[in-house]
Amino acid sequence: MLTSKPVRCPFPNVEDLLLLPPETPLSGISAYCDHILTRAYDLCWHLKAERGLVGDKSKVDSSVRSHRGSDQRS
């Protein structure tokens, strides 16, 4: 059975994953997020609900896939 490898939320290093640039630059934020996710969908939802940021689905999918390794699919 294929199981999903957990992925940590990359916040504040998420600017490349967003549809639009954030209203406030994230570069000055030093606190990292400890939220653990198993699906790209969950990361998009988490960014929107917790940070008010809208992720680009294809970029988030690609990022999560690359963090898991090329042998697993979401």
PDB file of N, CA and C in Angstrom:
ATOM      1  N   MET A   1       0.843  -1.169   0.000  1.00  0.00           N
ATOM      2  CA  MET A   1       0.000   0.000   0.000  1.00  0.00           C
ATOM      3  C   MET A   1       0.898   1.246   0.000  1.00  0.00           C
ATOM      4  N   LEU A   2       0.564   2.216  -0.835  1.00  0.00           N
ATOM      5  CA  LEU A   2       1.305   3.458  -0.939  1.00  0.00           C
ATOM      6  C   LEU A   2       0.804   4.432   0.115  1.00  0.00           C
ATOM      7  N   THR A   3       1.701   4.934   0.954  1.00  0.00           N
ATOM      8  CA  THR A   3       1.310   5.917   1.958  1.00  0.00           C
ATOM      9  C   THR A   3       1.959   7.247   1.627  1.00  0.00           C
ATOM     10  N   SER A   4       1.314   8.317   2.042  1.00  0.00           N
ATOM     11  CA  SER A   4       1.815   9.655   1.770  1.00  0.00           C
ATOM     12  C   SER A   4       2.876  10.031   2.785  1.00  0.00           C
ATOM     13  N   LYS A   5       3.991  10.511   2.286  1.00  0.00           N
ATOM     14  CA  LYS A   5       5.044  10.996   3.155  1.00  0.00           C
ATOM     15  C   LYS A   5       4.652  12.389   3.640  1.00  0.00           C
ATOM     16  N   PRO A   6       4.687  12.631   4.942  1.00  0.00           N
ATOM     17  CA  PRO A   6       4.305  13.946   5.465  1.00  0.00           C
ATOM     18  C   PRO A   6       5.231  15.050   4.955  1.00  0.00           C
ATOM     19  N   VAL A   7       4.658  16.234   4.809  1.00  0.00           N
ATOM     20  CA  VAL A   7       5.392  17.402   4.347  1.00  0.00           C
ATOM     21  C   VAL A   7       5.112  18.540   5.330  1.00  0.00           C
ATOM     22  N   ARG A   8       6.161  19.220   5.746  1.00  0.00           N
ATOM     23  CA  ARG A   8       5.989  20.367   6.645  1.00  0.00           C
ATOM     24  C   ARG A   8       5.634  21.601   5.823  1.00  0.00           C
ATOM     25  N   CYS A   9       4.739  22.420   6.327  1.00  0.00           N
ATOM     26  CA  CYS A   9       4.389  23.677   5.668  1.00  0.00           C
ATOM     27  C   CYS A   9       5.661  24.508   5.511  1.00  0.00           C
ATOM     28  N   PRO A  10       5.950  24.988   4.300  1.00  0.00           N
ATOM     29  CA  PRO A  10       7.200  25.724   4.073  1.00  0.00           C
ATOM     30  C   PRO A  10       7.160  27.199   4.485  1.00  0.00           C
ATOM     31  N   PHE A  11       6.067  27.662   5.090  1.00  0.00           N
ATOM     32  CA  PHE A  11       5.956  29.064   5.482  1.00  0.00           C
ATOM     33  C   PHE A  11       7.112  29.450   6.389  1.00  0.00           C
ATOM     34  N   PRO A  12       7.747  30.566   6.160  1.00  0.00           N
ATOM     35  CA  PRO A  12       7.381  31.697   5.311  1.00  0.00           C
ATOM     36  C   PRO A  12       7.946  31.643   3.886  1.00  0.00           C
ATOM     37  N   ASN A  13       8.591  30.550   3.524  1.00  0.00           N
ATOM     38  CA  ASN A  13       9.189  30.422   2.190  1.00  0.00           C
ATOM     39  C   ASN A  13       8.174  29.905   1.174  1.00  0.00           C
ATOM     40  N   VAL A  14       7.075  30.642   0.998  1.00  0.00           N
ATOM     41  CA  VAL A  14       5.990  30.187   0.130  1.00  0.00           C
ATOM     42  C   VAL A  14       5.706  31.123  -1.039  1.00  0.00           C
ATOM     43  N   GLU A  15       6.438  32.211  -1.167  1.00  0.00           N
ATOM     44  CA  GLU A  15       6.109  33.200  -2.200  1.00  0.00           C
ATOM     45  C   GLU A  15       6.080  32.603  -3.601  1.00  0.00           C
ATOM     46  N   ASP A  16       6.922  31.618  -3.874  1.00  0.00           N
ATOM     47  CA  ASP A  16       6.940  30.973  -5.189  1.00  0.00           C
ATOM     48  C   ASP A  16       5.735  30.068  -5.422  1.00  0.00           C
ATOM     49  N   LEU A  17       4.971  29.773  -4.388  1.00  0.00           N
ATOM     50  CA  LEU A  17       3.821  28.871  -4.487  1.00  0.00           C
ATOM     51  C   LEU A  17       2.486  29.602  -4.591  1.00  0.00           C
ATOM     52  N   LEU A  18       2.508  30.927  -4.562  1.00  0.00           N
ATOM     53  CA  LEU A  18       1.276  31.703  -4.496  1.00  0.00           C
ATOM     54  C   LEU A  18       0.789  32.171  -5.861  1.00  0.00           C
ATOM     55  N   LEU A  19      -0.541  32.346  -5.974  1.00  0.00           N
ATOM     56  CA  LEU A  19      -1.128  32.908  -7.195  1.00  0.00           C
ATOM     57  C   LEU A  19      -0.769  34.378  -7.345  1.00  0.00           C
ATOM     58  N   LEU A  20      -0.829  35.110  -6.244  1.00  0.00           N
ATOM     59  CA  LEU A  20      -0.525  36.537  -6.236  1.00  0.00           C
ATOM     60  C   LEU A  20       0.498  36.815  -5.148  1.00  0.00           C
ATOM     61  N   PRO A  21       1.308  37.852  -5.325  1.00  0.00           N
ATOM     62  CA  PRO A  21       2.256  38.183  -4.266  1.00  0.00           C
ATOM     63  C   PRO A  21       1.509  38.600  -2.993  1.00  0.00           C
ATOM     64  N   PRO A  22       2.064  38.308  -1.838  1.00  0.00           N
ATOM     65  CA  PRO A  22       1.396  38.696  -0.599  1.00  0.00           C
ATOM     66  C   PRO A  22       1.371  40.218  -0.444  1.00  0.00           C
ATOM     67  N   GLU A  23       0.358  40.724   0.262  1.00  0.00           N
ATOM     68  CA  GLU A  23       0.259  42.164   0.488  1.00  0.00           C
ATOM     69  C   GLU A  23       1.434  42.671   1.320  1.00  0.00           C
ATOM     70  N   THR A  24       1.871  41.869   2.269  1.00  0.00           N
ATOM     71  CA  THR A  24       3.027  42.195   3.103  1.00  0.00           C
ATOM     72  C   THR A  24       4.140  41.211   2.772  1.00  0.00           C
ATOM     73  N   PRO A  25       5.351  41.698   2.480  1.00  0.00           N
ATOM     74  CA  PRO A  25       6.450  40.774   2.167  1.00  0.00           C
ATOM     75  C   PRO A  25       6.684  39.768   3.302  1.00  0.00           C
ATOM     76  N   LEU A  26       6.951  38.544   2.924  1.00  0.00           N
ATOM     77  CA  LEU A  26       7.176  37.484   3.898  1.00  0.00           C
ATOM     78  C   LEU A  26       8.647  37.353   4.269  1.00  0.00           C
ATOM     79  N   SER A  27       9.507  38.078   3.568  1.00  0.00           N
ATOM     80  CA  SER A  27      10.948  37.939   3.764  1.00  0.00           C
ATOM     81  C   SER A  27      11.402  38.319   5.167  1.00  0.00           C
ATOM     82  N   GLY A  28      10.677  39.178   5.870  1.00  0.00           N
ATOM     83  CA  GLY A  28      11.069  39.587   7.206  1.00  0.00           C
ATOM     84  C   GLY A  28      10.582  38.672   8.313  1.00  0.00           C
ATOM     85  N   ILE A  29       9.815  37.648   7.960  1.00  0.00           N
ATOM     86  CA  ILE A  29       9.256  36.741   8.967  1.00  0.00           C
ATOM     87  C   ILE A  29      10.267  35.633   9.254  1.00  0.00           C
ATOM     88  N   SER A  30      10.598  35.481  10.520  1.00  0.00           N
ATOM     89  CA  SER A  30      11.597  34.472  10.880  1.00  0.00           C
ATOM     90  C   SER A  30      10.982  33.227  11.511  1.00  0.00           C
ATOM     91  N   ALA A  31       9.714  33.309  11.925  1.00  0.00           N
ATOM     92  CA  ALA A  31       9.059  32.157  12.552  1.00  0.00           C
ATOM     93  C   ALA A  31       8.589  31.175  11.487  1.00  0.00           C
ATOM     94  N   TYR A  32       8.977  29.927  11.640  1.00  0.00           N
ATOM     95  CA  TYR A  32       8.565  28.889  10.700  1.00  0.00           C
ATOM     96  C   TYR A  32       7.309  28.202  11.196  1.00  0.00           C
ATOM     97  N   CYS A  33       6.561  27.633  10.275  1.00  0.00           N
ATOM     98  CA  CYS A  33       5.330  26.919  10.594  1.00  0.00           C
ATOM     99  C   CYS A  33       5.659  25.456  10.885  1.00  0.00           C
ATOM    100  N   ASP A  34       5.048  24.905  11.910  1.00  0.00           N
ATOM    101  CA  ASP A  34       5.273  23.502  12.281  1.00  0.00           C
ATOM    102  C   ASP A  34       4.164  22.574  11.808  1.00  0.00           C
ATOM    103  N   HIS A  35       3.230  23.093  10.998  1.00  0.00           N
ATOM    104  CA  HIS A  35       2.090  22.293  10.539  1.00  0.00           C
ATOM    105  C   HIS A  35       2.576  21.199   9.580  1.00  0.00           C
ATOM    106  N   ILE A  36       2.133  19.977   9.815  1.00  0.00           N
ATOM    107  CA  ILE A  36       2.502  18.824   8.985  1.00  0.00           C
ATOM    108  C   ILE A  36       1.289  18.427   8.155  1.00  0.00           C
ATOM    109  N   LEU A  37       1.519  18.196   6.855  1.00  0.00           N
ATOM    110  CA  LEU A  37       0.435  17.861   5.922  1.00  0.00           C
ATOM    111  C   LEU A  37       0.802  16.620   5.125  1.00  0.00           C
ATOM    112  N   THR A  38      -0.220  15.994   4.556  1.00  0.00           N
ATOM    113  CA  THR A  38       0.047  14.825   3.717  1.00  0.00           C
ATOM    114  C   THR A  38      -0.397  15.016   2.275  1.00  0.00           C
ATOM    115  N   ARG A  39      -1.151  16.091   1.996  1.00  0.00           N
ATOM    116  CA  ARG A  39      -1.628  16.313   0.626  1.00  0.00           C
ATOM    117  C   ARG A  39      -1.405  17.768   0.218  1.00  0.00           C
ATOM    118  N   ALA A  40      -1.204  17.972  -1.079  1.00  0.00           N
ATOM    119  CA  ALA A  40      -1.042  19.331  -1.612  1.00  0.00           C
ATOM    120  C   ALA A  40      -2.305  20.146  -1.349  1.00  0.00           C
ATOM    121  N   TYR A  41      -3.460  19.519  -1.483  1.00  0.00           N
ATOM    122  CA  TYR A  41      -4.726  20.200  -1.212  1.00  0.00           C
ATOM    123  C   TYR A  41      -4.732  20.768   0.205  1.00  0.00           C
ATOM    124  N   ASP A  42      -4.243  19.980   1.163  1.00  0.00           N
ATOM    125  CA  ASP A  42      -4.209  20.420   2.556  1.00  0.00           C
ATOM    126  C   ASP A  42      -3.298  21.628   2.738  1.00  0.00           C
ATOM    127  N   LEU A  43      -2.194  21.667   2.002  1.00  0.00           N
ATOM    128  CA  LEU A  43      -1.292  22.813   2.086  1.00  0.00           C
ATOM    129  C   LEU A  43      -1.968  24.065   1.547  1.00  0.00           C
ATOM    130  N   CYS A  44      -2.660  23.954   0.424  1.00  0.00           N
ATOM    131  CA  CYS A  44      -3.395  25.107  -0.128  1.00  0.00           C
ATOM    132  C   CYS A  44      -4.427  25.597   0.879  1.00  0.00           C
ATOM    133  N   TRP A  45      -5.173  24.673   1.464  1.00  0.00           N
ATOM    134  CA  TRP A  45      -6.198  25.034   2.437  1.00  0.00           C
ATOM    135  C   TRP A  45      -5.574  25.691   3.662  1.00  0.00           C
ATOM    136  N   HIS A  46      -4.490  25.129   4.154  1.00  0.00           N
ATOM    137  CA  HIS A  46      -3.792  25.652   5.328  1.00  0.00           C
ATOM    138  C   HIS A  46      -3.276  27.070   5.078  1.00  0.00           C
ATOM    139  N   LEU A  47      -2.669  27.302   3.925  1.00  0.00           N
ATOM    140  CA  LEU A  47      -2.157  28.641   3.606  1.00  0.00           C
ATOM    141  C   LEU A  47      -3.288  29.666   3.587  1.00  0.00           C
ATOM    142  N   LYS A  48      -4.429  29.282   3.028  1.00  0.00           N
ATOM    143  CA  LYS A  48      -5.578  30.188   2.954  1.00  0.00           C
ATOM    144  C   LYS A  48      -6.178  30.429   4.344  1.00  0.00           C
ATOM    145  N   ALA A  49      -6.427  29.365   5.084  1.00  0.00           N
ATOM    146  CA  ALA A  49      -7.095  29.480   6.379  1.00  0.00           C
ATOM    147  C   ALA A  49      -6.220  30.128   7.448  1.00  0.00           C
ATOM    148  N   GLU A  50      -4.949  29.764   7.500  1.00  0.00           N
ATOM    149  CA  GLU A  50      -4.076  30.239   8.571  1.00  0.00           C
ATOM    150  C   GLU A  50      -3.304  31.507   8.226  1.00  0.00           C
ATOM    151  N   ARG A  51      -3.030  31.714   6.939  1.00  0.00           N
ATOM    152  CA  ARG A  51      -2.167  32.830   6.542  1.00  0.00           C
ATOM    153  C   ARG A  51      -2.847  33.836   5.622  1.00  0.00           C
ATOM    154  N   GLY A  52      -4.044  33.492   5.113  1.00  0.00           N
ATOM    155  CA  GLY A  52      -4.726  34.390   4.188  1.00  0.00           C
ATOM    156  C   GLY A  52      -4.054  34.455   2.828  1.00  0.00           C
ATOM    157  N   LEU A  53      -3.323  33.407   2.466  1.00  0.00           N
ATOM    158  CA  LEU A  53      -2.583  33.350   1.203  1.00  0.00           C
ATOM    159  C   LEU A  53      -3.223  32.329   0.273  1.00  0.00           C
ATOM    160  N   VAL A  54      -3.272  32.648  -1.016  1.00  0.00           N
ATOM    161  CA  VAL A  54      -3.881  31.740  -1.989  1.00  0.00           C
ATOM    162  C   VAL A  54      -2.771  31.061  -2.792  1.00  0.00           C
ATOM    163  N   GLY A  55      -2.668  29.755  -2.608  1.00  0.00           N
ATOM    164  CA  GLY A  55      -1.655  28.980  -3.321  1.00  0.00           C
ATOM    165  C   GLY A  55      -2.074  28.658  -4.740  1.00  0.00           C
ATOM    166  N   ASP A  56      -1.100  28.592  -5.628  1.00  0.00           N
ATOM    167  CA  ASP A  56      -1.315  28.158  -7.004  1.00  0.00           C
ATOM    168  C   ASP A  56      -1.285  26.633  -6.990  1.00  0.00           C
ATOM    169  N   LYS A  57      -2.414  26.005  -7.315  1.00  0.00           N
ATOM    170  CA  LYS A  57      -2.549  24.549  -7.195  1.00  0.00           C
ATOM    171  C   LYS A  57      -1.429  23.790  -7.899  1.00  0.00           C
ATOM    172  N   SER A  58      -1.093  24.162  -9.114  1.00  0.00           N
ATOM    173  CA  SER A  58      -0.067  23.417  -9.843  1.00  0.00           C
ATOM    174  C   SER A  58       1.316  23.589  -9.213  1.00  0.00           C
ATOM    175  N   LYS A  59       1.604  24.772  -8.704  1.00  0.00           N
ATOM    176  CA  LYS A  59       2.906  25.001  -8.050  1.00  0.00           C
ATOM    177  C   LYS A  59       2.985  24.257  -6.721  1.00  0.00           C
ATOM    178  N   VAL A  60       1.889  24.251  -5.971  1.00  0.00           N
ATOM    179  CA  VAL A  60       1.866  23.538  -4.699  1.00  0.00           C
ATOM    180  C   VAL A  60       1.977  22.038  -4.951  1.00  0.00           C
ATOM    181  N   ASP A  61       1.239  21.520  -5.922  1.00  0.00           N
ATOM    182  CA  ASP A  61       1.325  20.094  -6.274  1.00  0.00           C
ATOM    183  C   ASP A  61       2.767  19.716  -6.608  1.00  0.00           C
ATOM    184  N   SER A  62       3.409  20.514  -7.428  1.00  0.00           N
ATOM    185  CA  SER A  62       4.781  20.245  -7.843  1.00  0.00           C
ATOM    186  C   SER A  62       5.744  20.288  -6.651  1.00  0.00           C
ATOM    187  N   SER A  63       5.564  21.255  -5.788  1.00  0.00           N
ATOM    188  CA  SER A  63       6.423  21.384  -4.613  1.00  0.00           C
ATOM    189  C   SER A  63       6.280  20.192  -3.674  1.00  0.00           C
ATOM    190  N   VAL A  64       5.041  19.799  -3.398  1.00  0.00           N
ATOM    191  CA  VAL A  64       4.801  18.661  -2.507  1.00  0.00           C
ATOM    192  C   VAL A  64       5.379  17.391  -3.122  1.00  0.00           C
ATOM    193  N   ARG A  65       5.181  17.197  -4.416  1.00  0.00           N
ATOM    194  CA  ARG A  65       5.725  16.022  -5.104  1.00  0.00           C
ATOM    195  C   ARG A  65       7.246  15.985  -4.998  1.00  0.00           C
ATOM    196  N   SER A  66       7.894  17.136  -5.178  1.00  0.00           N
ATOM    197  CA  SER A  66       9.355  17.164  -5.127  1.00  0.00           C
ATOM    198  C   SER A  66       9.872  16.917  -3.708  1.00  0.00           C
ATOM    199  N   HIS A  67       9.140  17.338  -2.687  1.00  0.00           N
ATOM    200  CA  HIS A  67       9.550  17.086  -1.317  1.00  0.00           C
ATOM    201  C   HIS A  67       9.376  15.620  -0.937  1.00  0.00           C
ATOM    202  N   ARG A  68       8.433  14.956  -1.561  1.00  0.00           N
ATOM    203  CA  ARG A  68       8.205  13.539  -1.269  1.00  0.00           C
ATOM    204  C   ARG A  68       9.164  12.639  -2.024  1.00  0.00           C
ATOM    205  N   GLY A  69       9.606  13.080  -3.149  1.00  0.00           N
ATOM    206  CA  GLY A  69      10.430  12.227  -4.002  1.00  0.00           C
ATOM    207  C   GLY A  69       9.636  11.836  -5.229  1.00  0.00           C
ATOM    208  N   SER A  70      10.294  11.569  -6.295  1.00  0.00           N
ATOM    209  CA  SER A  70       9.637  11.324  -7.577  1.00  0.00           C
ATOM    210  C   SER A  70       8.920   9.978  -7.640  1.00  0.00           C
ATOM    211  N   ASP A  71       9.126   9.090  -6.658  1.00  0.00           N
ATOM    212  CA  ASP A  71       8.500   7.768  -6.711  1.00  0.00           C
ATOM    213  C   ASP A  71       7.088   7.747  -6.132  1.00  0.00           C
ATOM    214  N   GLN A  72       6.619   8.867  -5.519  1.00  0.00           N
ATOM    215  CA  GLN A  72       5.271   8.886  -4.965  1.00  0.00           C
ATOM    216  C   GLN A  72       4.448   9.928  -5.659  1.00  0.00           C
ATOM    217  N   ARG A  73       3.163   9.704  -5.751  1.00  0.00           N
ATOM    218  CA  ARG A  73       2.239  10.645  -6.369  1.00  0.00           C
ATOM    219  C   ARG A  73       1.178  11.027  -5.351  1.00  0.00           C
ATOM    220  N   SER A  74       0.667  12.295  -5.477  1.00  0.00           N
ATOM    221  CA  SER A  74      -0.386  12.731  -4.561  1.00  0.00           C
ATOM    222  C   SER A  74      -1.759  12.410  -5.089  1.00  0.00           C
TER     223      SER A  74
END
